[in-house]
Protein backbone atom coordinates (compact mmCIF):
# COMPACT_ATOMS: atom_id res chain seq x y z
CA UNK A 1 0.00 0.00 0.00
CA UNK A 2 1.40 3.36 -1.05
CA UNK A 3 0.19 6.93 -0.74
CA UNK A 4 1.23 9.42 -3.39
CA UNK A 5 1.49 13.06 -2.38
CA UNK A 6 2.14 16.28 -4.27
CA UNK A 7 2.25 19.57 -2.44
CA UNK A 8 3.89 21.82 0.10
CA UNK A 9 2.22 21.00 3.43
CA UNK A 10 3.89 19.10 6.22
CA UNK A 11 1.67 16.22 7.23
CA UNK A 12 3.35 15.76 10.62
CA UNK A 13 2.83 17.25 14.07
CA UNK A 14 -0.25 19.33 13.44
CA UNK A 15 -4.00 19.33 13.94
CA UNK A 16 -5.59 17.62 10.97
CA UNK A 17 -9.30 18.32 10.65
CA UNK A 18 -11.32 16.54 8.00
CA UNK A 19 -14.54 18.14 6.85
CA UNK A 20 -16.91 15.90 4.90
CA UNK A 21 -20.56 15.86 3.86
CA UNK A 22 -23.07 16.13 1.10
CA UNK A 23 -22.38 17.14 -2.49
CA UNK A 24 -25.76 18.93 -2.40
CA UNK A 25 -24.59 22.06 -0.60
CA UNK A 26 -27.12 24.32 1.07
CA UNK A 27 -26.69 27.88 2.30
CA UNK A 28 -26.76 26.54 5.88
CA UNK A 29 -23.98 24.03 5.21
CA UNK A 30 -21.88 26.52 3.25
CA UNK A 31 -22.18 29.21 5.91
CA UNK A 32 -21.32 26.76 8.68
CA UNK A 33 -18.31 25.33 6.83
CA UNK A 34 -16.88 28.74 6.00
CA UNK A 35 -17.43 30.04 9.55
CA UNK A 36 -16.05 26.88 11.16
CA UNK A 37 -12.87 26.97 9.09
CA UNK A 38 -12.43 30.69 9.83
CA UNK A 39 -12.72 29.91 13.56
CA UNK A 40 -10.24 27.04 13.26
CA UNK A 41 -7.74 29.34 11.52
CA UNK A 42 -7.82 31.70 14.51
CA UNK A 43 -7.47 28.99 17.17
CA UNK A 44 -5.13 26.63 15.29
CA UNK A 45 -3.31 28.64 12.59
CA UNK A 46 -1.18 25.61 11.71
CA UNK A 47 -4.17 23.28 11.21
CA UNK A 48 -4.52 21.25 8.02
CA UNK A 49 -8.02 20.99 6.53
CA UNK A 50 -8.59 17.70 4.71
CA UNK A 51 -11.41 16.73 2.39
CA UNK A 52 -12.08 14.80 -0.79
CA UNK A 53 -12.20 17.45 -3.56
CA UNK A 54 -15.85 16.58 -4.28
CA UNK A 55 -18.62 19.06 -4.96
CA UNK A 56 -20.48 20.60 -2.05
CA UNK A 57 -18.99 20.40 1.42
CA UNK A 58 -15.55 19.17 0.25
CA UNK A 59 -14.70 21.99 -2.13
CA UNK A 60 -16.23 24.53 0.26
CA UNK A 61 -13.88 23.30 3.01
CA UNK A 62 -10.85 23.47 0.69
CA UNK A 63 -11.71 27.01 -0.47
CA UNK A 64 -12.46 28.20 3.08
CA UNK A 65 -9.05 26.91 4.20
CA UNK A 66 -7.33 28.77 1.37
CA UNK A 67 -9.34 31.94 2.10
CA UNK A 68 -8.29 31.79 5.76
CA UNK A 69 -4.60 31.07 5.24
CA UNK A 70 -4.75 27.40 6.21
CA UNK A 71 -3.19 24.54 4.30
CA UNK A 72 -5.62 22.09 2.77
CA UNK A 73 -5.17 18.54 1.53
CA UNK A 74 -7.40 17.00 -1.13
CA UNK A 75 -7.50 13.21 -0.90
CA UNK A 76 -8.48 11.93 -4.31
CA UNK A 77 -10.39 8.83 -5.42
CA UNK A 78 -8.45 8.86 -8.71
CA UNK A 79 -4.80 9.06 -9.77
CA UNK A 80 -3.08 12.43 -10.19
CA UNK A 81 -3.71 12.84 -13.91
CA UNK A 82 -7.46 12.57 -13.34
CA UNK A 83 -9.02 15.40 -11.36
CA UNK A 84 -12.59 14.55 -10.43
CA UNK A 85 -14.81 16.39 -10.77
CA UNK A 86 -13.03 17.97 -13.74
CA UNK A 87 -14.33 21.47 -13.00
CA UNK A 88 -12.33 21.41 -9.74
CA UNK A 89 -9.11 21.41 -11.76
CA UNK A 90 -9.18 25.22 -11.38
CA UNK A 91 -8.48 24.80 -7.63
CA UNK A 92 -5.60 22.33 -7.92
CA UNK A 93 -2.72 24.82 -8.28
CA UNK A 94 -3.82 26.77 -5.19
CA UNK A 95 -4.35 23.58 -3.21
CA UNK A 96 -0.90 22.29 -4.16
CA UNK A 97 0.73 25.64 -3.30
CA UNK A 98 -0.99 25.72 0.10
CA UNK A 99 -1.37 22.07 0.99
CA UNK A 100 -1.43 19.24 -1.48
CA UNK A 101 -3.08 16.35 -3.26
CA UNK A 102 -2.95 12.75 -2.05
CA UNK A 103 -4.06 9.49 -3.61
CA UNK A 104 -3.42 5.79 -3.28
CA UNK A 105 -3.99 5.26 -7.00
CA UNK A 106 -0.88 5.31 -9.16
CA UNK A 107 -2.49 4.53 -12.52
CA UNK A 108 -6.20 4.34 -11.71
CA UNK A 109 -8.06 6.94 -13.72
CA UNK A 110 -11.62 5.65 -13.47
CA UNK A 111 -14.14 7.09 -11.06
CA UNK A 112 -15.44 3.82 -9.60
CA UNK A 113 -17.53 4.25 -6.45
CA UNK A 114 -15.29 1.83 -4.54
CA UNK A 115 -12.35 4.20 -5.06
CA UNK A 116 -14.15 6.91 -3.11
CA UNK A 117 -14.85 4.56 -0.20
CA UNK A 118 -11.11 3.83 -0.09
CA UNK A 119 -10.40 7.57 -0.29
CA UNK A 120 -12.73 8.12 2.68
CA UNK A 121 -10.73 5.60 4.72
CA UNK A 122 -7.57 7.67 4.15
CA UNK A 123 -9.38 10.87 5.11
CA UNK A 124 -10.53 9.25 8.37
CA UNK A 125 -7.16 7.68 9.18
CA UNK A 126 -5.09 10.82 8.89
CA UNK A 127 -7.45 13.03 10.87
CA UNK A 128 -7.28 14.33 14.40
CA UNK A 129 -11.03 14.95 14.10
CA UNK A 130 -13.73 14.51 11.46
CA UNK A 131 -16.56 17.03 11.06
CA UNK A 132 -19.69 15.89 9.23
CA UNK A 133 -21.61 18.74 7.58
CA UNK A 134 -24.93 17.40 6.38
CA UNK A 135 -25.37 13.85 5.21
CA UNK A 136 -28.23 11.70 4.07
CA UNK A 137 -28.73 8.29 5.70
CA UNK A 138 -26.60 6.67 3.00
CA UNK A 139 -23.67 8.88 2.14
CA UNK A 140 -19.93 8.94 1.69
CA UNK A 141 -19.70 11.34 4.62
CA UNK A 142 -21.22 8.72 6.93
CA UNK A 143 -18.82 6.12 5.55
CA UNK A 144 -15.94 8.42 6.51
CA UNK A 145 -17.42 9.02 9.97
CA UNK A 146 -17.97 5.30 10.60
CA UNK A 147 -14.39 4.57 9.59
CA UNK A 148 -13.15 7.38 11.86
CA UNK A 149 -15.14 6.05 14.81
CA UNK A 150 -13.74 2.55 14.24
CA UNK A 151 -10.28 4.15 14.54
CA UNK A 152 -11.26 5.95 17.79
CA UNK A 153 -11.10 9.37 16.14
CA UNK A 154 -13.05 12.35 17.42
CA UNK A 155 -16.19 12.95 15.33
CA UNK A 156 -18.50 15.97 15.21
CA UNK A 157 -21.71 16.46 13.23
CA UNK A 158 -23.70 19.54 12.30
CA UNK A 159 -27.36 19.09 13.20
CA UNK A 160 -29.86 19.94 10.52
CA UNK A 161 -33.56 20.32 9.96
CA UNK A 162 -35.35 17.17 11.07
CA UNK A 163 -37.42 17.21 7.88
CA UNK A 164 -34.42 17.33 5.54
CA UNK A 165 -33.21 14.08 4.00
CA UNK A 166 -29.80 15.76 3.57
CA UNK A 167 -29.54 16.02 7.36
CA UNK A 168 -30.99 12.62 8.26
CA UNK A 169 -27.62 10.86 8.53
CA UNK A 170 -25.96 13.60 10.58
CA UNK A 171 -29.02 13.92 12.85
CA UNK A 172 -29.09 10.17 13.40
CA UNK A 173 -25.40 10.20 14.25
CA UNK A 174 -25.98 12.90 16.87
C-alpha atoms as a PDB file:
ATOM      1  CA  UNK A   1       0.000   0.000   0.000  1.00  0.00           C
ATOM      2  CA  UNK A   2       1.402   3.363  -1.052  1.00  0.00           C
ATOM      3  CA  UNK A   3       0.186   6.928  -0.735  1.00  0.00           C
ATOM      4  CA  UNK A   4       1.225   9.421  -3.386  1.00  0.00           C
ATOM      5  CA  UNK A   5       1.486  13.057  -2.385  1.00  0.00           C
ATOM      6  CA  UNK A   6       2.138  16.284  -4.270  1.00  0.00           C
ATOM      7  CA  UNK A   7       2.254  19.565  -2.436  1.00  0.00           C
ATOM      8  CA  UNK A   8       3.888  21.815   0.095  1.00  0.00           C
ATOM      9  CA  UNK A   9       2.223  21.001   3.430  1.00  0.00           C
ATOM     10  CA  UNK A  10       3.894  19.104   6.223  1.00  0.00           C
ATOM     11  CA  UNK A  11       1.673  16.221   7.228  1.00  0.00           C
ATOM     12  CA  UNK A  12       3.349  15.758  10.618  1.00  0.00           C
ATOM     13  CA  UNK A  13       2.829  17.248  14.067  1.00  0.00           C
ATOM     14  CA  UNK A  14      -0.251  19.329  13.438  1.00  0.00           C
ATOM     15  CA  UNK A  15      -3.999  19.328  13.941  1.00  0.00           C
ATOM     16  CA  UNK A  16      -5.589  17.619  10.970  1.00  0.00           C
ATOM     17  CA  UNK A  17      -9.296  18.318  10.652  1.00  0.00           C
ATOM     18  CA  UNK A  18     -11.317  16.543   7.997  1.00  0.00           C
ATOM     19  CA  UNK A  19     -14.539  18.142   6.851  1.00  0.00           C
ATOM     20  CA  UNK A  20     -16.911  15.905   4.896  1.00  0.00           C
ATOM     21  CA  UNK A  21     -20.562  15.861   3.864  1.00  0.00           C
ATOM     22  CA  UNK A  22     -23.071  16.129   1.104  1.00  0.00           C
ATOM     23  CA  UNK A  23     -22.383  17.139  -2.491  1.00  0.00           C
ATOM     24  CA  UNK A  24     -25.756  18.931  -2.402  1.00  0.00           C
ATOM     25  CA  UNK A  25     -24.594  22.058  -0.598  1.00  0.00           C
ATOM     26  CA  UNK A  26     -27.119  24.320   1.065  1.00  0.00           C
ATOM     27  CA  UNK A  27     -26.694  27.882   2.296  1.00  0.00           C
ATOM     28  CA  UNK A  28     -26.764  26.544   5.879  1.00  0.00           C
ATOM     29  CA  UNK A  29     -23.982  24.025   5.209  1.00  0.00           C
ATOM     30  CA  UNK A  30     -21.878  26.516   3.252  1.00  0.00           C
ATOM     31  CA  UNK A  31     -22.183  29.213   5.911  1.00  0.00           C
ATOM     32  CA  UNK A  32     -21.318  26.761   8.684  1.00  0.00           C
ATOM     33  CA  UNK A  33     -18.312  25.326   6.831  1.00  0.00           C
ATOM     34  CA  UNK A  34     -16.877  28.743   6.002  1.00  0.00           C
ATOM     35  CA  UNK A  35     -17.426  30.043   9.548  1.00  0.00           C
ATOM     36  CA  UNK A  36     -16.052  26.884  11.164  1.00  0.00           C
ATOM     37  CA  UNK A  37     -12.869  26.968   9.088  1.00  0.00           C
ATOM     38  CA  UNK A  38     -12.425  30.689   9.830  1.00  0.00           C
ATOM     39  CA  UNK A  39     -12.721  29.915  13.560  1.00  0.00           C
ATOM     40  CA  UNK A  40     -10.244  27.036  13.260  1.00  0.00           C
ATOM     41  CA  UNK A  41      -7.745  29.338  11.524  1.00  0.00           C
ATOM     42  CA  UNK A  42      -7.820  31.701  14.514  1.00  0.00           C
ATOM     43  CA  UNK A  43      -7.473  28.992  17.166  1.00  0.00           C
ATOM     44  CA  UNK A  44      -5.130  26.633  15.291  1.00  0.00           C
ATOM     45  CA  UNK A  45      -3.308  28.639  12.594  1.00  0.00           C
ATOM     46  CA  UNK A  46      -1.184  25.606  11.708  1.00  0.00           C
ATOM     47  CA  UNK A  47      -4.173  23.275  11.214  1.00  0.00           C
ATOM     48  CA  UNK A  48      -4.518  21.250   8.024  1.00  0.00           C
ATOM     49  CA  UNK A  49      -8.016  20.987   6.532  1.00  0.00           C
ATOM     50  CA  UNK A  50      -8.589  17.705   4.706  1.00  0.00           C
ATOM     51  CA  UNK A  51     -11.415  16.732   2.389  1.00  0.00           C
ATOM     52  CA  UNK A  52     -12.078  14.800  -0.789  1.00  0.00           C
ATOM     53  CA  UNK A  53     -12.196  17.451  -3.559  1.00  0.00           C
ATOM     54  CA  UNK A  54     -15.851  16.577  -4.283  1.00  0.00           C
ATOM     55  CA  UNK A  55     -18.619  19.058  -4.962  1.00  0.00           C
ATOM     56  CA  UNK A  56     -20.478  20.601  -2.049  1.00  0.00           C
ATOM     57  CA  UNK A  57     -18.986  20.399   1.422  1.00  0.00           C
ATOM     58  CA  UNK A  58     -15.555  19.169   0.254  1.00  0.00           C
ATOM     59  CA  UNK A  59     -14.699  21.991  -2.132  1.00  0.00           C
ATOM     60  CA  UNK A  60     -16.230  24.528   0.261  1.00  0.00           C
ATOM     61  CA  UNK A  61     -13.882  23.299   3.006  1.00  0.00           C
ATOM     62  CA  UNK A  62     -10.847  23.473   0.693  1.00  0.00           C
ATOM     63  CA  UNK A  63     -11.708  27.006  -0.468  1.00  0.00           C
ATOM     64  CA  UNK A  64     -12.455  28.198   3.084  1.00  0.00           C
ATOM     65  CA  UNK A  65      -9.052  26.906   4.197  1.00  0.00           C
ATOM     66  CA  UNK A  66      -7.325  28.768   1.370  1.00  0.00           C
ATOM     67  CA  UNK A  67      -9.343  31.938   2.096  1.00  0.00           C
ATOM     68  CA  UNK A  68      -8.291  31.791   5.761  1.00  0.00           C
ATOM     69  CA  UNK A  69      -4.600  31.069   5.237  1.00  0.00           C
ATOM     70  CA  UNK A  70      -4.745  27.400   6.207  1.00  0.00           C
ATOM     71  CA  UNK A  71      -3.188  24.539   4.296  1.00  0.00           C
ATOM     72  CA  UNK A  72      -5.620  22.088   2.765  1.00  0.00           C
ATOM     73  CA  UNK A  73      -5.166  18.536   1.533  1.00  0.00           C
ATOM     74  CA  UNK A  74      -7.397  17.002  -1.132  1.00  0.00           C
ATOM     75  CA  UNK A  75      -7.499  13.207  -0.895  1.00  0.00           C
ATOM     76  CA  UNK A  76      -8.485  11.933  -4.312  1.00  0.00           C
ATOM     77  CA  UNK A  77     -10.388   8.831  -5.416  1.00  0.00           C
ATOM     78  CA  UNK A  78      -8.453   8.858  -8.708  1.00  0.00           C
ATOM     79  CA  UNK A  79      -4.804   9.058  -9.769  1.00  0.00           C
ATOM     80  CA  UNK A  80      -3.079  12.426 -10.192  1.00  0.00           C
ATOM     81  CA  UNK A  81      -3.706  12.840 -13.906  1.00  0.00           C
ATOM     82  CA  UNK A  82      -7.457  12.574 -13.338  1.00  0.00           C
ATOM     83  CA  UNK A  83      -9.024  15.404 -11.357  1.00  0.00           C
ATOM     84  CA  UNK A  84     -12.587  14.545 -10.425  1.00  0.00           C
ATOM     85  CA  UNK A  85     -14.813  16.389 -10.775  1.00  0.00           C
ATOM     86  CA  UNK A  86     -13.032  17.967 -13.737  1.00  0.00           C
ATOM     87  CA  UNK A  87     -14.328  21.467 -12.999  1.00  0.00           C
ATOM     88  CA  UNK A  88     -12.330  21.412  -9.741  1.00  0.00           C
ATOM     89  CA  UNK A  89      -9.110  21.413 -11.762  1.00  0.00           C
ATOM     90  CA  UNK A  90      -9.183  25.219 -11.380  1.00  0.00           C
ATOM     91  CA  UNK A  91      -8.476  24.804  -7.632  1.00  0.00           C
ATOM     92  CA  UNK A  92      -5.601  22.329  -7.924  1.00  0.00           C
ATOM     93  CA  UNK A  93      -2.723  24.824  -8.275  1.00  0.00           C
ATOM     94  CA  UNK A  94      -3.818  26.772  -5.187  1.00  0.00           C
ATOM     95  CA  UNK A  95      -4.348  23.579  -3.207  1.00  0.00           C
ATOM     96  CA  UNK A  96      -0.896  22.291  -4.159  1.00  0.00           C
ATOM     97  CA  UNK A  97       0.729  25.639  -3.303  1.00  0.00           C
ATOM     98  CA  UNK A  98      -0.990  25.715   0.100  1.00  0.00           C
ATOM     99  CA  UNK A  99      -1.369  22.074   0.989  1.00  0.00           C
ATOM    100  CA  UNK A 100      -1.428  19.237  -1.478  1.00  0.00           C
ATOM    101  CA  UNK A 101      -3.077  16.352  -3.262  1.00  0.00           C
ATOM    102  CA  UNK A 102      -2.953  12.752  -2.055  1.00  0.00           C
ATOM    103  CA  UNK A 103      -4.063   9.494  -3.615  1.00  0.00           C
ATOM    104  CA  UNK A 104      -3.424   5.789  -3.283  1.00  0.00           C
ATOM    105  CA  UNK A 105      -3.989   5.260  -7.002  1.00  0.00           C
ATOM    106  CA  UNK A 106      -0.883   5.311  -9.164  1.00  0.00           C
ATOM    107  CA  UNK A 107      -2.491   4.529 -12.522  1.00  0.00           C
ATOM    108  CA  UNK A 108      -6.201   4.337 -11.710  1.00  0.00           C
ATOM    109  CA  UNK A 109      -8.058   6.938 -13.723  1.00  0.00           C
ATOM    110  CA  UNK A 110     -11.621   5.647 -13.465  1.00  0.00           C
ATOM    111  CA  UNK A 111     -14.144   7.093 -11.062  1.00  0.00           C
ATOM    112  CA  UNK A 112     -15.437   3.823  -9.599  1.00  0.00           C
ATOM    113  CA  UNK A 113     -17.532   4.252  -6.453  1.00  0.00           C
ATOM    114  CA  UNK A 114     -15.294   1.831  -4.536  1.00  0.00           C
ATOM    115  CA  UNK A 115     -12.351   4.203  -5.062  1.00  0.00           C
ATOM    116  CA  UNK A 116     -14.147   6.909  -3.113  1.00  0.00           C
ATOM    117  CA  UNK A 117     -14.846   4.564  -0.199  1.00  0.00           C
ATOM    118  CA  UNK A 118     -11.105   3.835  -0.089  1.00  0.00           C
ATOM    119  CA  UNK A 119     -10.401   7.574  -0.288  1.00  0.00           C
ATOM    120  CA  UNK A 120     -12.729   8.121   2.679  1.00  0.00           C
ATOM    121  CA  UNK A 121     -10.728   5.602   4.723  1.00  0.00           C
ATOM    122  CA  UNK A 122      -7.575   7.670   4.148  1.00  0.00           C
ATOM    123  CA  UNK A 123      -9.382  10.870   5.111  1.00  0.00           C
ATOM    124  CA  UNK A 124     -10.526   9.250   8.370  1.00  0.00           C
ATOM    125  CA  UNK A 125      -7.163   7.681   9.183  1.00  0.00           C
ATOM    126  CA  UNK A 126      -5.086  10.818   8.891  1.00  0.00           C
ATOM    127  CA  UNK A 127      -7.453  13.035  10.872  1.00  0.00           C
ATOM    128  CA  UNK A 128      -7.284  14.327  14.400  1.00  0.00           C
ATOM    129  CA  UNK A 129     -11.026  14.946  14.102  1.00  0.00           C
ATOM    130  CA  UNK A 130     -13.732  14.512  11.460  1.00  0.00           C
ATOM    131  CA  UNK A 131     -16.556  17.034  11.060  1.00  0.00           C
ATOM    132  CA  UNK A 132     -19.694  15.894   9.226  1.00  0.00           C
ATOM    133  CA  UNK A 133     -21.609  18.743   7.583  1.00  0.00           C
ATOM    134  CA  UNK A 134     -24.930  17.399   6.381  1.00  0.00           C
ATOM    135  CA  UNK A 135     -25.365  13.845   5.206  1.00  0.00           C
ATOM    136  CA  UNK A 136     -28.231  11.701   4.067  1.00  0.00           C
ATOM    137  CA  UNK A 137     -28.731   8.288   5.695  1.00  0.00           C
ATOM    138  CA  UNK A 138     -26.604   6.672   3.002  1.00  0.00           C
ATOM    139  CA  UNK A 139     -23.673   8.884   2.140  1.00  0.00           C
ATOM    140  CA  UNK A 140     -19.934   8.944   1.693  1.00  0.00           C
ATOM    141  CA  UNK A 141     -19.698  11.338   4.621  1.00  0.00           C
ATOM    142  CA  UNK A 142     -21.218   8.721   6.925  1.00  0.00           C
ATOM    143  CA  UNK A 143     -18.821   6.122   5.550  1.00  0.00           C
ATOM    144  CA  UNK A 144     -15.936   8.419   6.513  1.00  0.00           C
ATOM    145  CA  UNK A 145     -17.419   9.022   9.974  1.00  0.00           C
ATOM    146  CA  UNK A 146     -17.966   5.299  10.598  1.00  0.00           C
ATOM    147  CA  UNK A 147     -14.385   4.574   9.586  1.00  0.00           C
ATOM    148  CA  UNK A 148     -13.149   7.383  11.855  1.00  0.00           C
ATOM    149  CA  UNK A 149     -15.145   6.045  14.807  1.00  0.00           C
ATOM    150  CA  UNK A 150     -13.739   2.551  14.238  1.00  0.00           C
ATOM    151  CA  UNK A 151     -10.276   4.150  14.544  1.00  0.00           C
ATOM    152  CA  UNK A 152     -11.261   5.945  17.785  1.00  0.00           C
ATOM    153  CA  UNK A 153     -11.100   9.368  16.139  1.00  0.00           C
ATOM    154  CA  UNK A 154     -13.054  12.350  17.415  1.00  0.00           C
ATOM    155  CA  UNK A 155     -16.192  12.951  15.332  1.00  0.00           C
ATOM    156  CA  UNK A 156     -18.499  15.972  15.214  1.00  0.00           C
ATOM    157  CA  UNK A 157     -21.708  16.461  13.234  1.00  0.00           C
ATOM    158  CA  UNK A 158     -23.703  19.540  12.304  1.00  0.00           C
ATOM    159  CA  UNK A 159     -27.364  19.090  13.202  1.00  0.00           C
ATOM    160  CA  UNK A 160     -29.863  19.944  10.521  1.00  0.00           C
ATOM    161  CA  UNK A 161     -33.556  20.319   9.956  1.00  0.00           C
ATOM    162  CA  UNK A 162     -35.347  17.170  11.075  1.00  0.00           C
ATOM    163  CA  UNK A 163     -37.418  17.212   7.879  1.00  0.00           C
ATOM    164  CA  UNK A 164     -34.416  17.333   5.536  1.00  0.00           C
ATOM    165  CA  UNK A 165     -33.211  14.082   4.002  1.00  0.00           C
ATOM    166  CA  UNK A 166     -29.804  15.764   3.573  1.00  0.00           C
ATOM    167  CA  UNK A 167     -29.537  16.024   7.356  1.00  0.00           C
ATOM    168  CA  UNK A 168     -30.988  12.623   8.264  1.00  0.00           C
ATOM    169  CA  UNK A 169     -27.623  10.861   8.530  1.00  0.00           C
ATOM    170  CA  UNK A 170     -25.960  13.602  10.582  1.00  0.00           C
ATOM    171  CA  UNK A 171     -29.016  13.925  12.848  1.00  0.00           C
ATOM    172  CA  UNK A 172     -29.092  10.167  13.397  1.00  0.00           C
ATOM    173  CA  UNK A 173     -25.403  10.202  14.253  1.00  0.00           C
ATOM    174  CA  UNK A 174     -25.984  12.896  16.868  1.00  0.00           C
END
